[in-house]
């Protein structure tokens, strides 16, 4: 079977991270699989392993996306917060965990067991 060349390696990496991120966000880490992510992208599982090398590294990239989103929210909020920054950070942590429960749980909960 011939290799697809619809996307560059960097584009594939971004497609995969976004597809994995969205799958965890919608269905939780317990429903996450490389097969499902690849199917959502329209590629094979082998493509994911070719781009990332391992499932663990792929998941780390997804976690990095979650942390980037969280950091952006914190940084934006801290710019507006003139006092009570520690309280802001505590509330922001809880707010992020509630609004992004599946991503948070994957980052700090059940997914941590795979490492």
Protein backbone atom coordinates (compact mmCIF):
# COMPACT_ATOMS: atom_id res chain seq x y z
CA UNK A 1 0.00 0.00 0.00
CA UNK A 2 1.36 3.42 -0.93
CA UNK A 3 1.93 6.09 1.68
CA UNK A 4 -0.37 9.06 1.74
CA UNK A 5 1.26 12.42 1.29
CA UNK A 6 -1.73 14.67 1.93
CA UNK A 7 -0.04 16.31 4.91
CA UNK A 8 3.48 17.12 6.02
CA UNK A 9 4.88 15.47 9.12
CA UNK A 10 4.23 18.64 11.15
CA UNK A 11 0.65 18.84 9.85
CA UNK A 12 0.11 15.18 10.77
CA UNK A 13 1.49 15.87 14.23
CA UNK A 14 -0.92 18.77 14.73
CA UNK A 15 -3.88 16.80 13.32
CA UNK A 16 -3.13 13.90 15.66
CA UNK A 17 -2.70 16.05 18.76
CA UNK A 18 -5.92 17.91 18.04
CA UNK A 19 -7.83 14.68 17.34
CA UNK A 20 -6.50 13.07 20.53
CA UNK A 21 -7.24 16.18 22.57
CA UNK A 22 -10.82 16.35 21.27
CA UNK A 23 -11.40 12.62 21.86
CA UNK A 24 -10.27 12.86 25.49
CA UNK A 25 -12.23 16.09 25.99
CA UNK A 26 -15.46 14.55 24.68
CA UNK A 27 -15.24 10.93 25.84
CA UNK A 28 -12.61 10.77 28.56
CA UNK A 29 -9.32 8.92 28.74
CA UNK A 30 -11.02 5.57 29.29
CA UNK A 31 -12.38 5.81 25.72
CA UNK A 32 -9.07 6.99 24.26
CA UNK A 33 -7.23 4.76 21.83
CA UNK A 34 -4.68 5.29 19.09
CA UNK A 35 -7.02 3.41 16.75
CA UNK A 36 -9.88 5.81 17.42
CA UNK A 37 -7.66 8.87 17.00
CA UNK A 38 -6.27 7.54 13.71
CA UNK A 39 -9.78 6.78 12.46
CA UNK A 40 -10.92 10.30 13.37
CA UNK A 41 -7.99 11.68 11.38
CA UNK A 42 -8.56 9.40 8.40
CA UNK A 43 -5.16 7.74 8.80
CA UNK A 44 -3.86 4.43 10.13
CA UNK A 45 -2.51 3.73 13.61
CA UNK A 46 0.89 3.22 12.02
CA UNK A 47 0.92 6.89 11.07
CA UNK A 48 0.67 7.87 14.74
CA UNK A 49 3.56 5.60 15.69
CA UNK A 50 5.58 6.87 12.73
CA UNK A 51 5.06 10.50 13.79
CA UNK A 52 5.39 10.12 17.58
CA UNK A 53 7.37 6.90 18.03
CA UNK A 54 5.20 5.59 20.85
CA UNK A 55 1.76 5.95 22.38
CA UNK A 56 3.31 7.41 25.54
CA UNK A 57 4.99 10.23 23.61
CA UNK A 58 1.76 10.91 21.74
CA UNK A 59 -0.14 11.19 25.02
CA UNK A 60 2.55 13.52 26.41
CA UNK A 61 1.96 15.83 23.44
CA UNK A 62 -1.77 15.84 24.18
CA UNK A 63 -1.04 16.62 27.84
CA UNK A 64 1.22 19.47 26.72
CA UNK A 65 -1.72 20.90 24.74
CA UNK A 66 -3.87 20.74 27.88
CA UNK A 67 -1.18 22.48 29.94
CA UNK A 68 -0.73 25.13 27.24
CA UNK A 69 -4.47 25.87 27.33
CA UNK A 70 -4.43 26.05 31.12
CA UNK A 71 -1.36 28.29 31.14
CA UNK A 72 -2.93 30.69 28.63
CA UNK A 73 -6.00 31.01 30.85
CA UNK A 74 -3.87 31.59 33.95
CA UNK A 75 -1.62 34.14 32.27
CA UNK A 76 -4.58 36.10 30.92
CA UNK A 77 -6.30 36.10 34.32
CA UNK A 78 -3.17 37.10 36.23
CA UNK A 79 -2.75 40.16 34.00
CA UNK A 80 -6.18 41.37 35.11
CA UNK A 81 -5.68 40.39 38.75
CA UNK A 82 -4.04 43.21 40.71
CA UNK A 83 -4.31 41.60 44.14
CA UNK A 84 -5.22 38.22 45.58
CA UNK A 85 -3.22 36.34 42.99
CA UNK A 86 -2.91 33.23 45.13
CA UNK A 87 -6.69 33.07 45.52
CA UNK A 88 -7.07 33.62 41.80
CA UNK A 89 -4.73 30.72 41.05
CA UNK A 90 -6.57 28.39 43.42
CA UNK A 91 -9.95 29.29 41.93
CA UNK A 92 -8.58 29.04 38.39
CA UNK A 93 -7.29 25.53 39.11
CA UNK A 94 -10.71 24.40 40.32
CA UNK A 95 -12.46 26.18 37.46
CA UNK A 96 -10.19 24.56 34.87
CA UNK A 97 -10.69 21.13 36.40
CA UNK A 98 -14.48 21.53 36.33
CA UNK A 99 -14.73 22.95 32.82
CA UNK A 100 -12.20 20.53 31.35
CA UNK A 101 -12.82 17.53 33.57
CA UNK A 102 -11.88 14.79 31.10
CA UNK A 103 -8.66 16.54 30.10
CA UNK A 104 -7.79 17.30 33.72
CA UNK A 105 -8.50 13.71 34.77
CA UNK A 106 -6.36 12.39 31.93
CA UNK A 107 -3.55 14.69 32.98
CA UNK A 108 -3.66 14.11 36.75
CA UNK A 109 -5.77 11.01 37.19
CA UNK A 110 -6.05 7.73 35.40
CA UNK A 111 -3.53 8.49 32.62
CA UNK A 112 -0.72 8.98 35.12
CA UNK A 113 -0.83 5.24 35.81
CA UNK A 114 0.51 4.43 32.31
CA UNK A 115 3.82 6.10 33.06
